Amino acid sequence: MPGTAVITRTKPQVKRPSLYRVLLLNDDYTPMEFVVHVLEQFFNKNREEATHIMLHVHQHGVGECGVFTYEVAETKVTQVMDFARKHQHPLQCVMEKK
C-alpha cells in the first residue's frame, strides 16, 4: 500500500549514573575514635562496621566508606572534610570513579 508509514517506538536508553567510591585516607594524627564517629554519622555504619572500616584504613592506608552517585559522593566528601577541619583533624576523604 503506497503512502503507508510504519511508526516504530524506540525506548530511550536510560544510562545508569556513574558510581563513585568514597574513601578515607589514613594519617598519623586523626584519632581512631573520631574516624569511627565519622563513619557512623555520615555513612550510617553501626559501631562494628565503622570500627572494621577504621581498622582497614589504619592498616592499609585507605578504606571504602560507601559507593554513591556523583552528587551524593561529592556531598559526603565535603561533609567529612568540613567536619574534620572543624575538629582540627587532618583526616582526608576523597572520591574516585568505580
PDB file of N, CA and C in Angstrom:
ATOM      1  N   MET A   1       0.827  -1.182   0.000  1.00  0.00           N
ATOM      2  CA  MET A   1       0.000   0.000   0.000  1.00  0.00           C
ATOM      3  C   MET A   1       0.874   1.248   0.000  1.00  0.00           C
ATOM      4  N   PRO A   2       0.820   2.014  -1.051  1.00  0.00           N
ATOM      5  CA  PRO A   2       1.623   3.237  -1.108  1.00  0.00           C
ATOM      6  C   PRO A   2       1.137   4.250  -0.069  1.00  0.00           C
ATOM      7  N   GLY A   3       2.083   4.988   0.469  1.00  0.00           N
ATOM      8  CA  GLY A   3       1.726   6.023   1.427  1.00  0.00           C
ATOM      9  C   GLY A   3       1.515   5.515   2.843  1.00  0.00           C
ATOM     10  N   THR A   4       1.815   4.255   3.084  1.00  0.00           N
ATOM     11  CA  THR A   4       1.671   3.719   4.440  1.00  0.00           C
ATOM     12  C   THR A   4       3.009   3.857   5.158  1.00  0.00           C
ATOM     13  N   ALA A   5       2.965   4.488   6.290  1.00  0.00           N
ATOM     14  CA  ALA A   5       4.191   4.668   7.070  1.00  0.00           C
ATOM     15  C   ALA A   5       4.150   3.725   8.266  1.00  0.00           C
ATOM     16  N   VAL A   6       5.306   3.204   8.583  1.00  0.00           N
ATOM     17  CA  VAL A   6       5.410   2.351   9.772  1.00  0.00           C
ATOM     18  C   VAL A   6       6.057   3.187  10.870  1.00  0.00           C
ATOM     19  N   ILE A   7       5.345   3.290  11.970  1.00  0.00           N
ATOM     20  CA  ILE A   7       5.885   4.066  13.091  1.00  0.00           C
ATOM     21  C   ILE A   7       6.423   3.086  14.130  1.00  0.00           C
ATOM     22  N   THR A   8       7.684   3.227  14.421  1.00  0.00           N
ATOM     23  CA  THR A   8       8.259   2.365  15.458  1.00  0.00           C
ATOM     24  C   THR A   8       8.599   3.226  16.663  1.00  0.00           C
ATOM     25  N   ARG A   9       8.246   2.718  17.784  1.00  0.00           N
ATOM     26  CA  ARG A   9       8.564   3.431  19.028  1.00  0.00           C
ATOM     27  C   ARG A   9       9.887   2.898  19.545  1.00  0.00           C
ATOM     28  N   THR A  10      10.804   3.784  19.795  1.00  0.00           N
ATOM     29  CA  THR A  10      12.063   3.344  20.378  1.00  0.00           C
ATOM     30  C   THR A  10      12.087   3.764  21.837  1.00  0.00           C
ATOM     31  N   LYS A  11      12.451   2.830  22.662  1.00  0.00           N
ATOM     32  CA  LYS A  11      12.554   3.142  24.091  1.00  0.00           C
ATOM     33  C   LYS A  11      13.855   3.900  24.316  1.00  0.00           C
ATOM     34  N   PRO A  12      13.774   5.045  24.979  1.00  0.00           N
ATOM     35  CA  PRO A  12      15.042   5.750  25.239  1.00  0.00           C
ATOM     36  C   PRO A  12      15.935   4.914  26.159  1.00  0.00           C
ATOM     37  N   GLN A  13      17.188   4.861  25.812  1.00  0.00           N
ATOM     38  CA  GLN A  13      18.128   4.120  26.644  1.00  0.00           C
ATOM     39  C   GLN A  13      18.442   4.950  27.877  1.00  0.00           C
ATOM     40  N   VAL A  14      18.105   4.429  29.028  1.00  0.00           N
ATOM     41  CA  VAL A  14      18.387   5.145  30.267  1.00  0.00           C
ATOM     42  C   VAL A  14      19.766   4.712  30.740  1.00  0.00           C
ATOM     43  N   LYS A  15      20.672   5.671  30.732  1.00  0.00           N
ATOM     44  CA  LYS A  15      22.044   5.369  31.132  1.00  0.00           C
ATOM     45  C   LYS A  15      22.117   5.416  32.652  1.00  0.00           C
ATOM     46  N   ARG A  16      22.663   4.370  33.216  1.00  0.00           N
ATOM     47  CA  ARG A  16      22.796   4.351  34.666  1.00  0.00           C
ATOM     48  C   ARG A  16      23.872   5.353  35.069  1.00  0.00           C
ATOM     49  N   PRO A  17      23.622   6.091  36.153  1.00  0.00           N
ATOM     50  CA  PRO A  17      24.629   7.073  36.564  1.00  0.00           C
ATOM     51  C   PRO A  17      25.921   6.393  37.010  1.00  0.00           C
ATOM     52  N   SER A  18      27.019   7.056  36.761  1.00  0.00           N
ATOM     53  CA  SER A  18      28.303   6.517  37.207  1.00  0.00           C
ATOM     54  C   SER A  18      28.322   6.507  38.723  1.00  0.00           C
ATOM     55  N   LEU A  19      29.010   5.520  39.264  1.00  0.00           N
ATOM     56  CA  LEU A  19      29.114   5.419  40.714  1.00  0.00           C
ATOM     57  C   LEU A  19      30.526   5.778  41.162  1.00  0.00           C
ATOM     58  N   TYR A  20      30.595   6.325  42.351  1.00  0.00           N
ATOM     59  CA  TYR A  20      31.872   6.776  42.909  1.00  0.00           C
ATOM     60  C   TYR A  20      32.076   6.186  44.293  1.00  0.00           C
ATOM     61  N   ARG A  21      33.295   5.715  44.529  1.00  0.00           N
ATOM     62  CA  ARG A  21      33.664   5.202  45.848  1.00  0.00           C
ATOM     63  C   ARG A  21      34.117   6.379  46.699  1.00  0.00           C
ATOM     64  N   VAL A  22      33.640   6.434  47.933  1.00  0.00           N
ATOM     65  CA  VAL A  22      34.101   7.449  48.871  1.00  0.00           C
ATOM     66  C   VAL A  22      35.105   6.752  49.791  1.00  0.00           C
ATOM     67  N   LEU A  23      36.311   7.314  49.846  1.00  0.00           N
ATOM     68  CA  LEU A  23      37.409   6.685  50.571  1.00  0.00           C
ATOM     69  C   LEU A  23      37.941   7.584  51.676  1.00  0.00           C
ATOM     70  N   LEU A  24      38.337   6.957  52.771  1.00  0.00           N
ATOM     71  CA  LEU A  24      39.053   7.670  53.831  1.00  0.00           C
ATOM     72  C   LEU A  24      40.516   7.284  53.725  1.00  0.00           C
ATOM     73  N   LEU A  25      41.397   8.261  53.923  1.00  0.00           N
ATOM     74  CA  LEU A  25      42.835   8.018  53.857  1.00  0.00           C
ATOM     75  C   LEU A  25      43.421   8.069  55.259  1.00  0.00           C
ATOM     76  N   ASN A  26      44.372   7.194  55.517  1.00  0.00           N
ATOM     77  CA  ASN A  26      44.994   7.127  56.832  1.00  0.00           C
ATOM     78  C   ASN A  26      45.946   8.298  57.052  1.00  0.00           C
ATOM     79  N   ASP A  27      46.017   8.741  58.304  1.00  0.00           N
ATOM     80  CA  ASP A  27      47.039   9.702  58.706  1.00  0.00           C
ATOM     81  C   ASP A  27      47.446   9.330  60.130  1.00  0.00           C
ATOM     82  N   ASP A  28      48.515   9.917  60.596  1.00  0.00           N
ATOM     83  CA  ASP A  28      49.033   9.545  61.918  1.00  0.00           C
ATOM     84  C   ASP A  28      48.494  10.404  63.052  1.00  0.00           C
ATOM     85  N   TYR A  29      47.519  11.266  62.747  1.00  0.00           N
ATOM     86  CA  TYR A  29      47.075  12.229  63.752  1.00  0.00           C
ATOM     87  C   TYR A  29      45.607  12.123  64.141  1.00  0.00           C
ATOM     88  N   THR A  30      44.750  11.772  63.193  1.00  0.00           N
ATOM     89  CA  THR A  30      43.317  11.706  63.495  1.00  0.00           C
ATOM     90  C   THR A  30      43.041  10.525  64.421  1.00  0.00           C
ATOM     91  N   PRO A  31      42.400  10.772  65.557  1.00  0.00           N
ATOM     92  CA  PRO A  31      42.109   9.664  66.490  1.00  0.00           C
ATOM     93  C   PRO A  31      41.176   8.624  65.866  1.00  0.00           C
ATOM     94  N   MET A  32      41.426   7.370  66.179  1.00  0.00           N
ATOM     95  CA  MET A  32      40.612   6.275  65.635  1.00  0.00           C
ATOM     96  C   MET A  32      39.141   6.459  66.003  1.00  0.00           C
ATOM     97  N   GLU A  33      38.894   6.919  67.211  1.00  0.00           N
ATOM     98  CA  GLU A  33      37.516   7.107  67.676  1.00  0.00           C
ATOM     99  C   GLU A  33      36.788   8.159  66.831  1.00  0.00           C
ATOM    100  N   PHE A  34      37.525   9.176  66.397  1.00  0.00           N
ATOM    101  CA  PHE A  34      36.938  10.221  65.550  1.00  0.00           C
ATOM    102  C   PHE A  34      36.534   9.628  64.194  1.00  0.00           C
ATOM    103  N   VAL A  35      37.388   8.770  63.640  1.00  0.00           N
ATOM    104  CA  VAL A  35      37.099   8.126  62.349  1.00  0.00           C
ATOM    105  C   VAL A  35      35.852   7.253  62.477  1.00  0.00           C
ATOM    106  N   VAL A  36      35.748   6.512  63.572  1.00  0.00           N
ATOM    107  CA  VAL A  36      34.568   5.673  63.818  1.00  0.00           C
ATOM    108  C   VAL A  36      33.316   6.561  63.873  1.00  0.00           C
ATOM    109  N   HIS A  37      33.416   7.674  64.566  1.00  0.00           N
ATOM    110  CA  HIS A  37      32.290   8.608  64.687  1.00  0.00           C
ATOM    111  C   HIS A  37      31.873   9.137  63.302  1.00  0.00           C
ATOM    112  N   VAL A  38      32.845   9.501  62.474  1.00  0.00           N
ATOM    113  CA  VAL A  38      32.573   9.988  61.108  1.00  0.00           C
ATOM    114  C   VAL A  38      31.818   8.925  60.308  1.00  0.00           C
ATOM    115  N   LEU A  39      32.267   7.687  60.407  1.00  0.00           N
ATOM    116  CA  LEU A  39      31.628   6.590  59.663  1.00  0.00           C
ATOM    117  C   LEU A  39      30.196   6.354  60.141  1.00  0.00           C
ATOM    118  N   GLU A  40      29.982   6.482  61.435  1.00  0.00           N
ATOM    119  CA  GLU A  40      28.628   6.312  61.979  1.00  0.00           C
ATOM    120  C   GLU A  40      27.730   7.478  61.553  1.00  0.00           C
ATOM    121  N   GLN A  41      28.251   8.681  61.659  1.00  0.00           N
ATOM    122  CA  GLN A  41      27.440   9.877  61.415  1.00  0.00           C
ATOM    123  C   GLN A  41      27.140  10.124  59.942  1.00  0.00           C
ATOM    124  N   PHE A  42      28.142   9.996  59.078  1.00  0.00           N
ATOM    125  CA  PHE A  42      27.963  10.368  57.675  1.00  0.00           C
ATOM    126  C   PHE A  42      27.683   9.196  56.741  1.00  0.00           C
ATOM    127  N   PHE A  43      27.972   7.973  57.195  1.00  0.00           N
ATOM    128  CA  PHE A  43      27.784   6.817  56.321  1.00  0.00           C
ATOM    129  C   PHE A  43      26.847   5.773  56.918  1.00  0.00           C
ATOM    130  N   ASN A  44      26.184   6.143  58.013  1.00  0.00           N
ATOM    131  CA  ASN A  44      25.187   5.275  58.656  1.00  0.00           C
ATOM    132  C   ASN A  44      25.713   3.876  58.977  1.00  0.00           C
ATOM    133  N   LYS A  45      26.967   3.793  59.380  1.00  0.00           N
ATOM    134  CA  LYS A  45      27.544   2.498  59.765  1.00  0.00           C
ATOM    135  C   LYS A  45      27.262   2.269  61.250  1.00  0.00           C
ATOM    136  N   ASN A  46      27.055   1.004  61.606  1.00  0.00           N
ATOM    137  CA  ASN A  46      26.931   0.720  63.034  1.00  0.00           C
ATOM    138  C   ASN A  46      28.337   0.668  63.631  1.00  0.00           C
ATOM    139  N   ARG A  47      28.431   0.582  64.939  1.00  0.00           N
ATOM    140  CA  ARG A  47      29.725   0.634  65.632  1.00  0.00           C
ATOM    141  C   ARG A  47      30.682  -0.442  65.098  1.00  0.00           C
ATOM    142  N   GLU A  48      30.177  -1.641  64.894  1.00  0.00           N
ATOM    143  CA  GLU A  48      31.019  -2.753  64.433  1.00  0.00           C
ATOM    144  C   GLU A  48      31.560  -2.510  63.020  1.00  0.00           C
ATOM    145  N   GLU A  49      30.676  -2.106  62.104  1.00  0.00           N
ATOM    146  CA  GLU A  49      31.100  -1.816  60.721  1.00  0.00           C
ATOM    147  C   GLU A  49      32.095  -0.655  60.701  1.00  0.00           C
ATOM    148  N   ALA A  50      31.783   0.395  61.451  1.00  0.00           N
ATOM    149  CA  ALA A  50      32.637   1.581  61.491  1.00  0.00           C
ATOM    150  C   ALA A  50      34.025   1.231  62.016  1.00  0.00           C
ATOM    151  N   THR A  51      34.076   0.415  63.054  1.00  0.00           N
ATOM    152  CA  THR A  51      35.361   0.004  63.633  1.00  0.00           C
ATOM    153  C   THR A  51      36.154  -0.827  62.627  1.00  0.00           C
ATOM    154  N   HIS A  52      35.462  -1.712  61.921  1.00  0.00           N
ATOM    155  CA  HIS A  52      36.108  -2.565  60.911  1.00  0.00           C
ATOM    156  C   HIS A  52      36.726  -1.712  59.794  1.00  0.00           C
ATOM    157  N   ILE A  53      35.967  -0.741  59.290  1.00  0.00           N
ATOM    158  CA  ILE A  53      36.471   0.135  58.221  1.00  0.00           C
ATOM    159  C   ILE A  53      37.637   0.972  58.732  1.00  0.00           C
ATOM    160  N   MET A  54      37.492   1.521  59.944  1.00  0.00           N
ATOM    161  CA  MET A  54      38.555   2.347  60.533  1.00  0.00           C
ATOM    162  C   MET A  54      39.854   1.545  60.651  1.00  0.00           C
ATOM    163  N   LEU A  55      39.764   0.294  61.102  1.00  0.00           N
ATOM    164  CA  LEU A  55      40.966  -0.541  61.226  1.00  0.00           C
ATOM    165  C   LEU A  55      41.562  -0.838  59.852  1.00  0.00           C
ATOM    166  N   HIS A  56      40.701  -1.035  58.859  1.00  0.00           N
ATOM    167  CA  HIS A  56      41.176  -1.276  57.488  1.00  0.00           C
ATOM    168  C   HIS A  56      41.950  -0.048  56.987  1.00  0.00           C
ATOM    169  N   VAL A  57      41.399   1.146  57.230  1.00  0.00           N
ATOM    170  CA  VAL A  57      42.072   2.394  56.843  1.00  0.00           C
ATOM    171  C   VAL A  57      43.419   2.486  57.553  1.00  0.00           C
ATOM    172  N   HIS A  58      43.418   2.175  58.843  1.00  0.00           N
ATOM    173  CA  HIS A  58      44.632   2.248  59.660  1.00  0.00           C
ATOM    174  C   HIS A  58      45.715   1.291  59.150  1.00  0.00           C
ATOM    175  N   GLN A  59      45.313   0.084  58.804  1.00  0.00           N
ATOM    176  CA  GLN A  59      46.279  -0.945  58.395  1.00  0.00           C
ATOM    177  C   GLN A  59      46.688  -0.863  56.924  1.00  0.00           C
ATOM    178  N   HIS A  60      45.784  -0.413  56.070  1.00  0.00           N
ATOM    179  CA  HIS A  60      46.051  -0.434  54.621  1.00  0.00           C
ATOM    180  C   HIS A  60      46.216   0.956  54.008  1.00  0.00           C
ATOM    181  N   GLY A  61      45.997   1.997  54.809  1.00  0.00           N
ATOM    182  CA  GLY A  61      46.200   3.348  54.313  1.00  0.00           C
ATOM    183  C   GLY A  61      44.983   3.979  53.660  1.00  0.00           C
ATOM    184  N   VAL A  62      43.992   3.162  53.322  1.00  0.00           N
ATOM    185  CA  VAL A  62      42.781   3.666  52.663  1.00  0.00           C
ATOM    186  C   VAL A  62      41.652   2.674  52.910  1.00  0.00           C
ATOM    187  N   GLY A  63      40.433   3.189  52.968  1.00  0.00           N
ATOM    188  CA  GLY A  63      39.281   2.311  53.160  1.00  0.00           C
ATOM    189  C   GLY A  63      38.036   2.921  52.546  1.00  0.00           C
ATOM    190  N   GLU A  64      37.167   2.050  52.053  1.00  0.00           N
ATOM    191  CA  GLU A  64      35.947   2.500  51.385  1.00  0.00           C
ATOM    192  C   GLU A  64      34.811   2.681  52.384  1.00  0.00           C
ATOM    193  N   CYS A  65      34.176   3.849  52.318  1.00  0.00           N
ATOM    194  CA  CYS A  65      33.042   4.157  53.204  1.00  0.00           C
ATOM    195  C   CYS A  65      31.720   3.790  52.556  1.00  0.00           C
ATOM    196  N   GLY A  66      31.700   3.822  51.228  1.00  0.00           N
ATOM    197  CA  GLY A  66      30.472   3.528  50.506  1.00  0.00           C
ATOM    198  C   GLY A  66      30.611   3.899  49.045  1.00  0.00           C
ATOM    199  N   VAL A  67      29.591   3.536  48.265  1.00  0.00           N
ATOM    200  CA  VAL A  67      29.569   3.821  46.833  1.00  0.00           C
ATOM    201  C   VAL A  67      28.279   4.579  46.532  1.00  0.00           C
ATOM    202  N   PHE A  68      28.420   5.711  45.861  1.00  0.00           N
ATOM    203  CA  PHE A  68      27.284   6.607  45.659  1.00  0.00           C
ATOM    204  C   PHE A  68      27.330   7.223  44.266  1.00  0.00           C
ATOM    205  N   THR A  69      26.222   7.879  43.887  1.00  0.00           N
ATOM    206  CA  THR A  69      26.231   8.669  42.654  1.00  0.00           C
ATOM    207  C   THR A  69      27.149   9.868  42.894  1.00  0.00           C
ATOM    208  N   TYR A  70      27.507  10.545  41.816  1.00  0.00           N
ATOM    209  CA  TYR A  70      28.468  11.651  41.902  1.00  0.00           C
ATOM    210  C   TYR A  70      28.072  12.704  42.935  1.00  0.00           C
ATOM    211  N   GLU A  71      26.822  13.175  42.844  1.00  0.00           N
ATOM    212  CA  GLU A  71      26.381  14.261  43.731  1.00  0.00           C
ATOM    213  C   GLU A  71      26.425  13.846  45.191  1.00  0.00           C
ATOM    214  N   VAL A  72      25.966  12.640  45.480  1.00  0.00           N
ATOM    215  CA  VAL A  72      25.954  12.152  46.866  1.00  0.00           C
ATOM    216  C   VAL A  72      27.384  11.975  47.369  1.00  0.00           C
ATOM    217  N   ALA A  73      28.240  11.387  46.538  1.00  0.00           N
ATOM    218  CA  ALA A  73      29.645  11.178  46.928  1.00  0.00           C
ATOM    219  C   ALA A  73      30.313  12.520  47.211  1.00  0.00           C
ATOM    220  N   GLU A  74      30.088  13.484  46.331  1.00  0.00           N
ATOM    221  CA  GLU A  74      30.690  14.805  46.484  1.00  0.00           C
ATOM    222  C   GLU A  74      30.227  15.474  47.786  1.00  0.00           C
ATOM    223  N   THR A  75      28.946  15.340  48.089  1.00  0.00           N
ATOM    224  CA  THR A  75      28.394  15.901  49.328  1.00  0.00           C
ATOM    225  C   THR A  75      29.019  15.247  50.550  1.00  0.00           C
ATOM    226  N   LYS A  76      29.134  13.922  50.528  1.00  0.00           N
ATOM    227  CA  LYS A  76      29.712  13.192  51.669  1.00  0.00           C
ATOM    228  C   LYS A  76      31.163  13.614  51.896  1.00  0.00           C
ATOM    229  N   VAL A  77      31.938  13.711  50.822  1.00  0.00           N
ATOM    230  CA  VAL A  77      33.343  14.129  50.928  1.00  0.00           C
ATOM    231  C   VAL A  77      33.422  15.511  51.574  1.00  0.00           C
ATOM    232  N   THR A  78      32.593  16.431  51.092  1.00  0.00           N
ATOM    233  CA  THR A  78      32.578  17.800  51.636  1.00  0.00           C
ATOM    234  C   THR A  78      32.189  17.805  53.104  1.00  0.00           C
ATOM    235  N   GLN A  79      31.159  17.050  53.459  1.00  0.00           N
ATOM    236  CA  GLN A  79      30.697  16.993  54.852  1.00  0.00           C
ATOM    237  C   GLN A  79      31.805  16.467  55.770  1.00  0.00           C
ATOM    238  N   VAL A  80      32.449  15.389  55.349  1.00  0.00           N
ATOM    239  CA  VAL A  80      33.501  14.780  56.174  1.00  0.00           C
ATOM    240  C   VAL A  80      34.687  15.731  56.326  1.00  0.00           C
ATOM    241  N   MET A  81      35.103  16.343  55.211  1.00  0.00           N
ATOM    242  CA  MET A  81      36.244  17.253  55.255  1.00  0.00           C
ATOM    243  C   MET A  81      35.946  18.467  56.148  1.00  0.00           C
ATOM    244  N   ASP A  82      34.755  19.027  56.013  1.00  0.00           N
ATOM    245  CA  ASP A  82      34.369  20.172  56.844  1.00  0.00           C
ATOM    246  C   ASP A  82      34.331  19.791  58.317  1.00  0.00           C
ATOM    247  N   PHE A  83      33.760  18.635  58.606  1.00  0.00           N
ATOM    248  CA  PHE A  83      33.644  18.150  59.980  1.00  0.00           C
ATOM    249  C   PHE A  83      35.029  17.914  60.598  1.00  0.00           C
ATOM    250  N   ALA A  84      35.916  17.301  59.806  1.00  0.00           N
ATOM    251  CA  ALA A  84      37.282  17.032  60.291  1.00  0.00           C
ATOM    252  C   ALA A  84      38.027  18.342  60.567  1.00  0.00           C
ATOM    253  N   ARG A  85      37.922  19.315  59.649  1.00  0.00           N
ATOM    254  CA  ARG A  85      38.602  20.601  59.841  1.00  0.00           C
ATOM    255  C   ARG A  85      38.064  21.320  61.078  1.00  0.00           C
ATOM    256  N   LYS A  86      36.729  21.273  61.241  1.00  0.00           N
ATOM    257  CA  LYS A  86      36.087  21.929  62.378  1.00  0.00           C
ATOM    258  C   LYS A  86      36.630  21.372  63.696  1.00  0.00           C
ATOM    259  N   HIS A  87      36.976  20.079  63.684  1.00  0.00           N
ATOM    260  CA  HIS A  87      37.528  19.431  64.882  1.00  0.00           C
ATOM    261  C   HIS A  87      39.060  19.371  64.850  1.00  0.00           C
ATOM    262  N   GLN A  88      39.641  20.112  63.906  1.00  0.00           N
ATOM    263  CA  GLN A  88      41.097  20.239  63.761  1.00  0.00           C
ATOM    264  C   GLN A  88      41.823  18.911  63.572  1.00  0.00           C
ATOM    265  N   HIS A  89      41.243  18.060  62.723  1.00  0.00           N
ATOM    266  CA  HIS A  89      41.891  16.796  62.362  1.00  0.00           C
ATOM    267  C   HIS A  89      42.242  16.844  60.877  1.00  0.00           C
ATOM    268  N   PRO A  90      43.379  16.250  60.493  1.00  0.00           N
ATOM    269  CA  PRO A  90      43.806  16.283  59.082  1.00  0.00           C
ATOM    270  C   PRO A  90      43.197  15.164  58.235  1.00  0.00           C
ATOM    271  N   LEU A  91      42.139  14.535  58.712  1.00  0.00           N
ATOM    272  CA  LEU A  91      41.511  13.412  58.002  1.00  0.00           C
ATOM    273  C   LEU A  91      41.210  13.802  56.555  1.00  0.00           C
ATOM    274  N   GLN A  92      41.554  12.936  55.622  1.00  0.00           N
ATOM    275  CA  GLN A  92      41.294  13.162  54.201  1.00  0.00           C
ATOM    276  C   GLN A  92      40.216  12.199  53.726  1.00  0.00           C
ATOM    277  N   CYS A  93      39.265  12.745  52.972  1.00  0.00           N
ATOM    278  CA  CYS A  93      38.200  11.950  52.387  1.00  0.00           C
ATOM    279  C   CYS A  93      38.175  12.302  50.906  1.00  0.00           C
ATOM    280  N   VAL A  94      38.194  11.285  50.050  1.00  0.00           N
ATOM    281  CA  VAL A  94      38.244  11.510  48.603  1.00  0.00           C
ATOM    282  C   VAL A  94      37.214  10.614  47.912  1.00  0.00           C
ATOM    283  N   MET A  95      36.983  10.906  46.636  1.00  0.00           N
ATOM    284  CA  MET A  95      36.107  10.042  45.859  1.00  0.00           C
ATOM    285  C   MET A  95      36.799   9.638  44.575  1.00  0.00           C
ATOM    286  N   GLU A  96      36.479   8.435  44.104  1.00  0.00           N
ATOM    287  CA  GLU A  96      37.038   8.000  42.834  1.00  0.00           C
ATOM    288  C   GLU A  96      35.979   7.221  42.080  1.00  0.00           C
ATOM    289  N   LYS A  97      36.027   7.313  40.760  1.00  0.00           N
ATOM    290  CA  LYS A  97      35.043   6.619  39.930  1.00  0.00           C
ATOM    291  C   LYS A  97      35.231   5.117  40.101  1.00  0.00           C
ATOM    292  N   LYS A  98      34.116   4.426  40.250  1.00  0.00           N
ATOM    293  CA  LYS A  98      34.163   2.974  40.459  1.00  0.00           C
ATOM    294  C   LYS A  98      34.462   2.262  39.155  1.00  0.00           C
TER     295      LYS A  98
END
